[in-house]
Amino acid sequence: MIKQDFPKIHFYDQDFVDIYDKTWAWMNDCWKNGGSKSGIKGPFFIYEPNVVQQTEAIFSSFFLVYSNRIFQAHSTLDVFYDRQEKDGAIRCSYNVDTGAHEPDKDNPEGLGIPLFAWAEYNIYHKSGNKKRVKDVLGKLCKYSAWIDSIYKKPNGLYKTPLSATGMLNLPRGDAYYTVDFNTMMAINMLYMSALADILNDKEISFQCKKQYFSLKTRINSLMYNATDGFYYDINKNEKHIPIKSIQGYWPLLAEIPNGEKAERIIEKLTDPKFFGTSHPFPSLAVCEKEFDENGRGCRGSVFPHLVFMVIKGLERYQRWDIARESAIRHVYFMLDTMSKEDDNHKGDLWEAYLPTAEGEAKWPGKIGFPRARYLAYDALSTICLTIENIVGLSISLPRKTVDWVIPNLEIMGVENLSLKNNMITILSHKSGRGWEIQMESEKLYYFTINILGVKEKTLPIPSGKCSILIDKL
């Protein structure tokens, strides 16, 4: 029997391969089997010794799907579903020892980021498990109804505690309706509709699409500033609070802006006056008076989970070029920070980074920031972005498709990636016959290759070994 192992990546820069391998090796430190007295079943992903967090459960699922089922991507999400209350409530965190949520005075209901449906949609396309979709969709509907019952206002937008999205000290003025949470609810509805479509449940799909388009209309009409070309929080009187933060990029992920609006906010990602810092992308625009080159929490720090969000938003608008270049630069800064060791500094991965230089972010007087080796965020970059945007593979098991966007002909690929019961290998290299893609698979799948934005072709890949000469496409 072949020993189960993580998929291997190949890339021309060995440092990328090494940090990818190290991240998987460190993952055991974040894996817990459960609390014997609390009734919380394991195993699950955790960072703090005794608290399981909703944010960590959602974001960790995006890289755990690539573990070849050594770590289950869904098991931490199930901790939250299992503790759903009768009214649909799911709290943002639970104590592993007691099983209870410990209320926060700033967020008394324990509201977390409402992105379960996005995570479940991604898990479905990496696992093909339709039964799971059926099991969780009802829970997600109840959860969304609970959020509506407490936080939805007559104008159709959500007024939530500012701490619910975890953006610490982000300057927001007198924000009443925040662009990030309202957009997250739109993302939630968009993917709940997609999950309902998988089950051919037309009623749930229709209701979710209706709520999505309603939110999309309100976010575009009330939160988009046509003069500045950006999405802003608004106050109680629905007036813009003109502070440019990374939160203004959540609408890309929800496919809210049209092409023209998207272009205007995307161009700010490469503009050094806004978010085009050497290490992409700062949490606060450089032009804002409270921007701090030391990061100081959300006053300029680069957070890997927000870089991930922006890059996935760029994908929605087919901006593979900026997405890949930004992912590579971001991981290079993570690598440079790891190698920067001296008597006062130990190289590691970090929760947040400096925006204009190598190194972890700083926040004088704030104990515990940034957290070292915070894999809930870091592995999104060293594993997920590495496979999906740097190597460039996009996989859907239900569709039996693998798409590969190659902006440059380089030595790279993935080896022994398990797609349920199908182990695949896809590698590009230069042989005596020119650039060649070698593939190995146990079952048939459909392979679409896009080279340099010029050549694109879809081919059925049979079981066994085969190769494609790029010059012959």
Protein backbone atom coordinates (compact mmCIF):
# COMPACT_ATOMS: atom_id res chain seq x y z
CA MET A 1 0.00 0.00 0.00
CA ILE A 2 1.34 3.44 -0.96
CA LYS A 3 1.95 5.67 2.07
CA GLN A 4 -0.40 8.64 2.06
CA ASP A 5 1.49 11.90 1.76
CA PHE A 6 0.91 15.55 0.87
CA PRO A 7 1.06 16.54 -2.78
CA LYS A 8 4.42 17.82 -3.94
CA ILE A 9 4.88 21.05 -5.86
CA HIS A 10 7.60 21.84 -8.38
CA PHE A 11 8.74 25.41 -8.95
CA TYR A 12 11.87 27.01 -10.36
CA ASP A 13 12.57 28.74 -7.01
CA GLN A 14 13.30 26.02 -4.44
CA ASP A 15 12.51 28.40 -1.55
CA PHE A 16 8.83 28.31 -2.53
CA VAL A 17 8.91 24.52 -2.44
CA ASP A 18 10.67 24.48 0.94
CA ILE A 19 8.19 26.81 2.68
CA TYR A 20 5.30 24.84 1.18
CA ASP A 21 6.74 21.61 2.64
CA LYS A 22 7.49 23.26 6.01
CA THR A 23 3.93 24.55 6.28
CA TRP A 24 2.54 21.03 5.99
CA ALA A 25 5.08 19.82 8.56
CA TRP A 26 3.93 22.50 11.02
CA MET A 27 0.24 21.71 10.53
CA ASN A 28 0.23 19.04 13.25
CA ASP A 29 0.82 21.80 15.80
CA CYS A 30 -2.61 23.25 14.86
CA TRP A 31 -4.53 19.98 14.96
CA LYS A 32 -6.46 18.93 18.07
CA ASN A 33 -8.60 15.88 18.76
CA GLY A 34 -11.27 17.58 20.85
CA GLY A 35 -12.31 18.31 24.41
CA SER A 36 -13.21 15.24 26.43
CA LYS A 37 -15.71 17.03 28.71
CA SER A 38 -17.10 19.66 26.35
CA GLY A 39 -18.62 17.39 23.72
CA ILE A 40 -16.70 19.20 20.98
CA LYS A 41 -15.62 16.49 18.59
CA GLY A 42 -12.31 16.52 16.80
CA PRO A 43 -10.13 16.64 15.05
CA PHE A 44 -10.13 20.34 14.24
CA PHE A 45 -7.83 23.23 13.35
CA ILE A 46 -6.89 25.49 16.27
CA TYR A 47 -4.24 28.10 17.15
CA GLU A 48 -5.00 29.24 20.69
CA PRO A 49 -4.74 26.32 23.13
CA ASN A 50 -8.41 26.23 24.17
CA VAL A 51 -10.49 28.22 21.67
CA VAL A 52 -11.74 27.14 18.25
CA GLN A 53 -12.43 30.16 16.01
CA GLN A 54 -14.93 30.56 13.17
CA THR A 55 -12.53 32.67 11.10
CA GLU A 56 -9.84 30.00 11.39
CA ALA A 57 -12.31 27.22 10.52
CA ILE A 58 -13.40 28.99 7.33
CA PHE A 59 -10.00 30.11 6.03
CA SER A 60 -8.18 26.88 6.96
CA SER A 61 -10.59 24.88 4.78
CA PHE A 62 -9.14 26.54 1.67
CA PHE A 63 -5.70 25.00 2.13
CA LEU A 64 -6.66 21.81 3.96
CA VAL A 65 -8.47 20.62 0.81
CA TYR A 66 -4.98 20.09 -0.64
CA SER A 67 -3.77 17.80 2.18
CA ASN A 68 -4.79 14.59 0.35
CA ARG A 69 -7.28 14.07 3.21
CA ILE A 70 -4.54 13.78 5.83
CA PHE A 71 -6.30 16.75 7.46
CA GLN A 72 -10.04 16.96 6.80
CA ALA A 73 -11.04 20.37 5.46
CA HIS A 74 -14.58 20.17 6.80
CA SER A 75 -14.11 18.86 10.35
CA THR A 76 -13.47 22.27 11.96
CA LEU A 77 -16.53 23.71 10.22
CA ASP A 78 -18.56 20.85 11.68
CA VAL A 79 -17.64 22.00 15.20
CA PHE A 80 -19.69 25.14 14.52
CA TYR A 81 -22.59 23.40 12.76
CA ASP A 82 -22.85 20.88 15.62
CA ARG A 83 -23.30 23.72 18.11
CA GLN A 84 -25.93 25.64 16.11
CA GLU A 85 -28.77 26.81 18.37
CA LYS A 86 -32.51 26.44 17.74
CA ASP A 87 -32.86 29.99 16.41
CA GLY A 88 -30.00 29.34 13.93
CA ALA A 89 -27.28 31.10 15.92
CA ILE A 90 -23.69 30.04 15.42
CA ARG A 91 -21.19 31.86 17.62
CA CYS A 92 -17.77 33.02 16.43
CA SER A 93 -15.78 30.91 18.93
CA TYR A 94 -16.13 28.11 21.44
CA ASN A 95 -14.06 27.07 24.43
CA VAL A 96 -12.74 23.58 23.75
CA ASP A 97 -12.80 22.59 27.42
CA THR A 98 -16.30 23.84 28.30
CA GLY A 99 -17.98 23.86 24.88
CA ALA A 100 -19.36 27.32 25.63
CA HIS A 101 -19.06 30.61 23.80
CA GLU A 102 -17.52 33.32 25.95
CA PRO A 103 -19.32 36.62 25.13
CA ASP A 104 -17.45 39.78 24.27
CA LYS A 105 -18.96 43.10 25.37
CA ASP A 106 -18.15 44.57 21.94
CA ASN A 107 -19.85 41.66 20.20
CA PRO A 108 -22.40 40.24 22.66
CA GLU A 109 -24.03 37.80 20.19
CA GLY A 110 -20.70 36.36 19.08
CA LEU A 111 -21.21 37.25 15.41
CA GLY A 112 -18.46 35.95 13.10
CA ILE A 113 -17.66 36.33 9.43
CA PRO A 114 -20.58 34.82 7.43
CA LEU A 115 -18.50 32.95 4.85
CA PHE A 116 -19.42 29.31 5.52
CA ALA A 117 -21.12 28.96 2.12
CA TRP A 118 -17.99 30.15 0.27
CA ALA A 119 -15.92 27.56 2.14
CA GLU A 120 -18.46 24.78 1.48
CA TYR A 121 -18.63 25.58 -2.24
CA ASN A 122 -14.84 25.28 -2.45
CA ILE A 123 -14.85 22.00 -0.49
CA TYR A 124 -17.50 20.60 -2.85
CA HIS A 125 -15.36 21.31 -5.91
CA LYS A 126 -12.32 19.65 -4.31
CA SER A 127 -14.20 16.63 -2.88
CA GLY A 128 -17.27 16.12 -5.09
CA ASN A 129 -19.28 15.28 -1.95
CA LYS A 130 -22.86 16.19 -2.87
CA LYS A 131 -24.26 14.60 0.28
CA ARG A 132 -22.37 17.11 2.41
CA VAL A 133 -23.97 19.98 0.50
CA LYS A 134 -27.37 18.51 1.33
CA ASP A 135 -26.41 18.14 5.00
CA VAL A 136 -25.18 21.72 5.49
CA LEU A 137 -27.46 23.84 3.30
CA GLY A 138 -30.33 23.83 5.81
CA LYS A 139 -27.95 24.90 8.59
CA LEU A 140 -26.64 27.76 6.46
CA CYS A 141 -30.19 28.94 5.73
CA LYS A 142 -31.02 29.01 9.44
CA TYR A 143 -27.75 30.81 10.22
CA SER A 144 -28.44 33.50 7.62
CA ALA A 145 -31.99 33.96 8.94
CA TRP A 146 -30.57 34.45 12.45
CA ILE A 147 -28.20 37.17 11.20
CA ASP A 148 -31.11 38.85 9.38
CA SER A 149 -33.29 38.80 12.49
CA ILE A 150 -30.74 40.71 14.58
CA TYR A 151 -28.62 42.83 12.26
CA LYS A 152 -30.58 43.61 9.10
CA LYS A 153 -32.03 47.14 8.95
CA PRO A 154 -35.05 48.47 6.98
CA ASN A 155 -32.78 49.76 4.18
CA GLY A 156 -31.62 46.18 3.50
CA LEU A 157 -28.10 46.65 4.90
CA TYR A 158 -26.55 45.13 8.03
CA LYS A 159 -25.47 47.07 11.11
CA THR A 160 -23.04 44.87 13.02
CA PRO A 161 -20.39 45.30 15.72
CA LEU A 162 -17.20 46.66 14.16
CA SER A 163 -15.25 43.87 15.84
CA ALA A 164 -17.23 41.15 14.02
CA THR A 165 -14.86 41.18 11.04
CA GLY A 166 -11.76 41.18 13.25
CA MET A 167 -10.29 44.36 11.82
CA LEU A 168 -8.97 45.49 15.20
CA ASN A 169 -8.01 49.19 14.99
CA LEU A 170 -8.92 49.95 11.37
CA PRO A 171 -9.87 53.64 11.24
CA ARG A 172 -13.56 53.74 10.28
CA GLY A 173 -14.84 57.09 11.56
CA ASP A 174 -18.50 56.88 12.50
CA ALA A 175 -19.17 53.85 10.29
CA TYR A 176 -22.65 52.41 10.81
CA TYR A 177 -22.90 50.09 7.78
CA THR A 178 -19.54 48.51 6.89
CA VAL A 179 -18.67 47.54 3.35
CA ASP A 180 -16.87 44.35 4.39
CA PHE A 181 -19.63 42.70 6.42
CA ASN A 182 -22.37 43.67 3.98
CA THR A 183 -20.32 42.30 1.10
CA MET A 184 -19.64 39.11 3.04
CA MET A 185 -23.40 38.62 3.34
CA ALA A 186 -23.66 39.08 -0.43
CA ILE A 187 -20.91 36.46 -0.89
CA ASN A 188 -22.81 34.19 1.49
CA MET A 189 -26.00 34.49 -0.56
CA LEU A 190 -24.16 34.06 -3.87
CA TYR A 191 -22.62 30.76 -2.77
CA MET A 192 -25.72 29.51 -0.95
CA SER A 193 -27.51 29.94 -4.27
CA ALA A 194 -24.74 27.95 -5.98
CA LEU A 195 -25.02 25.19 -3.35
CA ALA A 196 -28.80 25.07 -3.88
CA ASP A 197 -28.22 24.76 -7.64
CA ILE A 198 -26.02 21.71 -7.00
CA LEU A 199 -29.01 20.11 -5.27
CA ASN A 200 -31.43 21.44 -7.91
CA ASP A 201 -33.35 23.18 -5.10
CA LYS A 202 -34.95 25.96 -7.15
CA GLU A 203 -36.75 27.63 -4.24
CA ILE A 204 -33.68 28.14 -2.05
CA SER A 205 -31.64 29.14 -5.10
CA PHE A 206 -34.21 31.76 -6.10
CA GLN A 207 -34.50 33.22 -2.59
CA CYS A 208 -30.73 33.45 -2.18
CA LYS A 209 -30.24 35.02 -5.62
CA LYS A 210 -32.97 37.54 -4.78
CA GLN A 211 -31.19 38.53 -1.55
CA TYR A 212 -27.82 38.65 -3.34
CA PHE A 213 -29.05 41.01 -6.05
CA SER A 214 -30.80 43.15 -3.45
CA LEU A 215 -27.56 43.55 -1.50
CA LYS A 216 -25.56 44.08 -4.68
CA THR A 217 -27.86 46.93 -5.69
CA ARG A 218 -27.65 48.58 -2.28
CA ILE A 219 -23.86 48.26 -2.01
CA ASN A 220 -23.42 49.74 -5.48
CA SER A 221 -25.88 52.58 -4.92
CA LEU A 222 -24.98 53.49 -1.34
CA MET A 223 -21.33 52.49 -0.84
CA TYR A 224 -19.65 53.16 -4.19
CA ASN A 225 -18.16 56.61 -4.67
CA ALA A 226 -18.10 57.45 -8.38
CA THR A 227 -15.69 60.35 -7.91
CA ASP A 228 -13.07 58.30 -6.05
CA GLY A 229 -13.81 55.00 -7.78
CA PHE A 230 -13.93 53.09 -4.49
CA TYR A 231 -16.30 51.40 -2.02
CA TYR A 232 -16.63 53.03 1.40
CA ASP A 233 -18.30 52.39 4.74
CA ILE A 234 -21.28 54.68 5.31
CA ASN A 235 -22.62 56.39 8.44
CA LYS A 236 -26.11 56.24 9.91
CA ASN A 237 -27.29 58.86 7.40
CA GLU A 238 -25.89 56.77 4.52
CA LYS A 239 -23.07 59.24 3.84
CA HIS A 240 -19.66 57.97 2.72
CA ILE A 241 -16.78 57.76 5.17
CA PRO A 242 -13.94 58.40 2.68
CA ILE A 243 -11.26 56.20 4.21
CA LYS A 244 -9.67 53.82 1.72
CA SER A 245 -8.95 50.45 3.31
CA ILE A 246 -8.45 46.93 2.01
CA GLN A 247 -12.09 46.26 2.98
CA GLY A 248 -13.09 48.09 -0.19
CA TYR A 249 -11.91 45.05 -2.19
CA TRP A 250 -14.42 42.56 -0.79
CA PRO A 251 -16.94 43.63 -3.50
CA LEU A 252 -14.63 42.12 -6.16
CA LEU A 253 -15.00 38.71 -4.56
CA ALA A 254 -18.79 39.14 -4.57
CA GLU A 255 -18.76 40.20 -8.25
CA ILE A 256 -20.56 43.40 -7.27
CA PRO A 257 -18.86 46.05 -9.46
CA ASN A 258 -19.36 46.11 -13.22
CA GLY A 259 -16.32 46.11 -15.49
CA GLU A 260 -15.74 49.87 -15.33
CA LYS A 261 -16.04 50.09 -11.55
CA ALA A 262 -13.84 47.03 -11.10
CA GLU A 263 -11.14 48.53 -13.30
CA ARG A 264 -11.08 51.72 -11.23
CA ILE A 265 -10.61 49.95 -7.92
CA ILE A 266 -8.18 47.38 -9.36
CA GLU A 267 -5.89 50.11 -10.71
CA LYS A 268 -5.35 51.33 -7.13
CA LEU A 269 -3.71 48.01 -6.26
CA THR A 270 -0.63 48.96 -8.30
CA ASP A 271 -0.65 52.68 -7.52
CA PRO A 272 1.96 53.50 -4.82
CA LYS A 273 -0.31 56.28 -3.50
CA PHE A 274 -2.91 53.69 -2.53
CA PHE A 275 -2.23 49.94 -2.18
CA GLY A 276 0.74 49.49 -4.51
CA THR A 277 3.34 49.05 -1.76
CA SER A 278 6.37 46.84 -2.31
CA HIS A 279 4.70 44.15 -0.19
CA PRO A 280 1.11 43.89 -1.46
CA PHE A 281 -1.45 44.80 -0.10
CA PRO A 282 -1.58 47.06 3.01
CA SER A 283 -4.71 47.09 5.15
CA LEU A 284 -4.91 50.88 4.88
CA ALA A 285 -4.11 52.98 1.80
CA VAL A 286 -0.78 54.83 1.85
CA CYS A 287 -2.56 58.15 1.22
CA GLU A 288 -4.53 57.94 4.49
CA LYS A 289 -3.19 60.12 7.31
CA GLU A 290 -3.27 57.21 9.78
CA PHE A 291 -1.22 54.90 7.52
CA ASP A 292 1.80 53.57 9.43
CA GLU A 293 4.79 51.96 7.72
CA ASN A 294 5.24 49.79 10.82
CA GLY A 295 1.81 48.30 10.22
CA ARG A 296 0.41 49.02 13.68
CA GLY A 297 -2.42 46.56 13.38
CA CYS A 298 -4.81 47.59 10.63
CA ARG A 299 -3.07 50.91 10.00
CA GLY A 300 -1.00 49.42 7.18
CA SER A 301 -0.05 45.83 8.03
CA VAL A 302 -0.20 43.24 5.25
CA PHE A 303 -2.43 40.37 6.39
CA PRO A 304 -2.11 37.14 4.34
CA HIS A 305 -5.85 36.33 4.55
CA LEU A 306 -6.69 39.75 3.07
CA VAL A 307 -4.09 39.32 0.32
CA PHE A 308 -5.83 36.01 -0.41
CA MET A 309 -9.21 37.76 -0.55
CA VAL A 310 -7.96 40.42 -2.99
CA ILE A 311 -6.32 37.83 -5.26
CA LYS A 312 -9.47 35.69 -5.36
CA GLY A 313 -11.39 38.87 -6.21
CA LEU A 314 -8.99 39.60 -9.08
CA GLU A 315 -9.68 36.11 -10.42
CA ARG A 316 -13.38 36.95 -10.72
CA TYR A 317 -12.42 39.62 -13.26
CA GLN A 318 -9.83 37.44 -15.05
CA ARG A 319 -6.92 39.59 -13.86
CA TRP A 320 -4.59 36.59 -13.63
CA ASP A 321 -1.57 38.81 -14.34
CA ILE A 322 -1.89 41.03 -11.26
CA ALA A 323 -3.07 38.08 -9.16
CA ARG A 324 0.02 35.98 -9.91
CA GLU A 325 2.54 38.79 -9.70
CA SER A 326 1.10 39.91 -6.35
CA ALA A 327 1.07 36.36 -4.98
CA ILE A 328 4.73 35.85 -5.92
CA ARG A 329 5.83 39.16 -4.39
CA HIS A 330 3.82 38.46 -1.24
CA VAL A 331 5.40 35.03 -0.73
CA TYR A 332 8.88 36.45 -1.45
CA PHE A 333 8.40 38.95 1.39
CA MET A 334 7.28 36.12 3.68
CA LEU A 335 10.43 34.17 2.71
CA ASP A 336 12.72 37.18 3.20
CA THR A 337 11.24 37.75 6.65
CA MET A 338 11.88 34.10 7.55
CA SER A 339 15.52 34.34 6.54
CA LYS A 340 16.07 37.59 8.47
CA GLU A 341 17.47 36.16 11.71
CA ASP A 342 19.69 37.89 14.28
CA ASP A 343 20.07 38.06 18.07
CA ASN A 344 16.80 39.97 18.45
CA HIS A 345 14.78 38.31 15.73
CA LYS A 346 13.81 34.75 14.97
CA GLY A 347 12.77 33.94 11.42
CA ASP A 348 9.21 32.63 11.14
CA LEU A 349 5.87 33.07 9.44
CA TRP A 350 3.71 35.84 10.88
CA GLU A 351 0.11 36.95 11.17
CA ALA A 352 0.96 40.35 9.64
CA TYR A 353 3.83 41.95 7.74
CA LEU A 354 5.37 45.35 7.05
CA PRO A 355 3.97 47.00 3.89
CA THR A 356 7.16 48.67 2.60
CA ALA A 357 9.99 46.44 3.83
CA GLU A 358 10.72 42.86 4.81
CA GLY A 359 9.80 41.88 8.34
CA GLU A 360 6.79 41.28 10.54
CA ALA A 361 4.43 44.15 11.34
CA LYS A 362 4.96 46.13 14.54
CA TRP A 363 2.45 47.59 16.99
CA PRO A 364 4.23 49.19 19.96
CA GLY A 365 2.50 48.35 23.21
CA LYS A 366 0.31 45.62 21.71
CA ILE A 367 1.26 42.33 23.32
CA GLY A 368 0.86 39.25 21.13
CA PHE A 369 0.81 41.04 17.77
CA PRO A 370 1.65 39.70 15.32
CA ARG A 371 1.20 36.03 16.15
CA ALA A 372 4.05 33.80 15.02
CA ARG A 373 3.33 30.91 12.66
CA TYR A 374 -0.36 31.81 12.44
CA LEU A 375 -1.10 29.16 9.83
CA ALA A 376 -4.80 30.02 9.57
CA TYR A 377 -3.62 33.03 7.52
CA ASP A 378 -0.11 32.06 6.44
CA ALA A 379 -0.95 28.73 4.83
CA LEU A 380 -3.41 30.50 2.54
CA SER A 381 -0.29 31.97 0.93
CA THR A 382 2.31 29.22 1.26
CA ILE A 383 -0.09 26.45 0.17
CA CYS A 384 -3.26 27.74 -1.46
CA LEU A 385 -1.93 30.72 -3.43
CA THR A 386 1.16 28.70 -4.33
CA ILE A 387 -0.90 25.95 -5.97
CA GLU A 388 -3.69 28.08 -7.43
CA ASN A 389 -1.98 31.32 -8.46
CA ILE A 390 1.79 30.80 -8.55
CA VAL A 391 1.75 27.33 -10.12
CA GLY A 392 -1.66 28.28 -11.54
CA LEU A 393 -3.90 25.20 -11.14
CA SER A 394 -7.67 25.37 -10.71
CA ILE A 395 -9.44 22.07 -9.97
CA SER A 396 -13.08 20.97 -9.93
CA LEU A 397 -13.74 17.35 -9.11
CA PRO A 398 -17.49 17.35 -9.95
CA ARG A 399 -16.75 18.81 -13.37
CA LYS A 400 -13.71 16.53 -13.80
CA THR A 401 -11.70 19.56 -14.88
CA VAL A 402 -8.23 20.90 -14.24
CA ASP A 403 -7.44 24.37 -15.60
CA TRP A 404 -3.84 25.54 -15.80
CA VAL A 405 -3.04 29.18 -16.47
CA ILE A 406 0.66 29.51 -17.37
CA PRO A 407 1.73 33.14 -17.84
CA ASN A 408 5.37 32.11 -18.30
CA LEU A 409 6.96 28.88 -19.51
CA GLU A 410 8.72 27.68 -16.38
CA ILE A 411 9.59 24.41 -14.66
CA MET A 412 6.65 23.88 -12.32
CA GLY A 413 3.67 21.71 -11.50
CA VAL A 414 2.11 19.44 -8.89
CA GLU A 415 2.76 15.77 -8.18
CA ASN A 416 0.51 13.18 -6.53
CA LEU A 417 -2.46 15.42 -5.81
CA SER A 418 -5.42 13.32 -4.76
CA LEU A 419 -8.75 14.17 -6.39
CA LYS A 420 -10.90 11.83 -4.30
CA ASN A 421 -9.92 8.45 -5.80
CA ASN A 422 -7.83 9.89 -8.61
CA MET A 423 -4.15 10.72 -8.05
CA ILE A 424 -2.85 13.17 -10.65
CA THR A 425 0.53 14.66 -11.61
CA ILE A 426 0.98 17.63 -13.96
CA LEU A 427 4.51 18.93 -14.65
CA SER A 428 5.97 21.29 -17.23
CA HIS A 429 9.63 21.08 -18.22
CA LYS A 430 11.89 21.68 -21.20
CA SER A 431 12.98 18.57 -23.10
CA GLY A 432 14.88 18.03 -26.32
CA ARG A 433 11.56 18.44 -28.13
CA GLY A 434 10.81 21.83 -26.53
CA TRP A 435 8.47 22.73 -23.69
CA GLU A 436 6.49 19.69 -22.64
CA ILE A 437 3.74 18.97 -20.11
CA GLN A 438 3.87 15.50 -18.58
CA MET A 439 0.74 14.10 -16.96
CA GLU A 440 -0.19 11.02 -15.03
CA SER A 441 -3.67 10.10 -13.82
CA GLU A 442 -5.64 7.09 -12.61
CA LYS A 443 -8.88 8.25 -14.26
CA LEU A 444 -10.06 10.39 -17.15
CA TYR A 445 -10.36 14.15 -16.63
CA TYR A 446 -10.51 17.25 -18.83
CA PHE A 447 -7.48 19.50 -18.91
CA THR A 448 -7.63 23.12 -20.08
CA ILE A 449 -4.33 24.90 -20.59
CA ASN A 450 -3.98 28.65 -21.11
CA ILE A 451 -0.46 29.68 -22.11
CA LEU A 452 0.64 33.29 -22.03
CA GLY A 453 -2.96 34.36 -22.67
CA VAL A 454 -2.42 33.38 -26.32
CA LYS A 455 -2.90 29.61 -26.56
CA GLU A 456 -5.84 27.89 -24.90
CA LYS A 457 -6.97 24.34 -25.44
CA THR A 458 -9.10 21.73 -23.64
CA LEU A 459 -8.11 18.07 -23.94
CA PRO A 460 -9.42 14.84 -22.41
CA ILE A 461 -6.61 13.28 -20.39
CA PRO A 462 -6.86 9.48 -20.25
CA SER A 463 -5.74 7.28 -17.39
CA GLY A 464 -2.06 6.43 -17.34
CA LYS A 465 0.85 8.59 -18.51
CA CYS A 466 0.85 11.04 -21.40
CA SER A 467 2.54 14.27 -22.48
CA ILE A 468 1.72 17.39 -24.48
CA LEU A 469 4.18 19.38 -26.58
CA ILE A 470 3.26 23.03 -26.17
CA ASP A 471 4.56 23.94 -29.64
CA LYS A 472 2.09 21.44 -31.14
CA LEU A 473 -1.00 22.92 -29.50
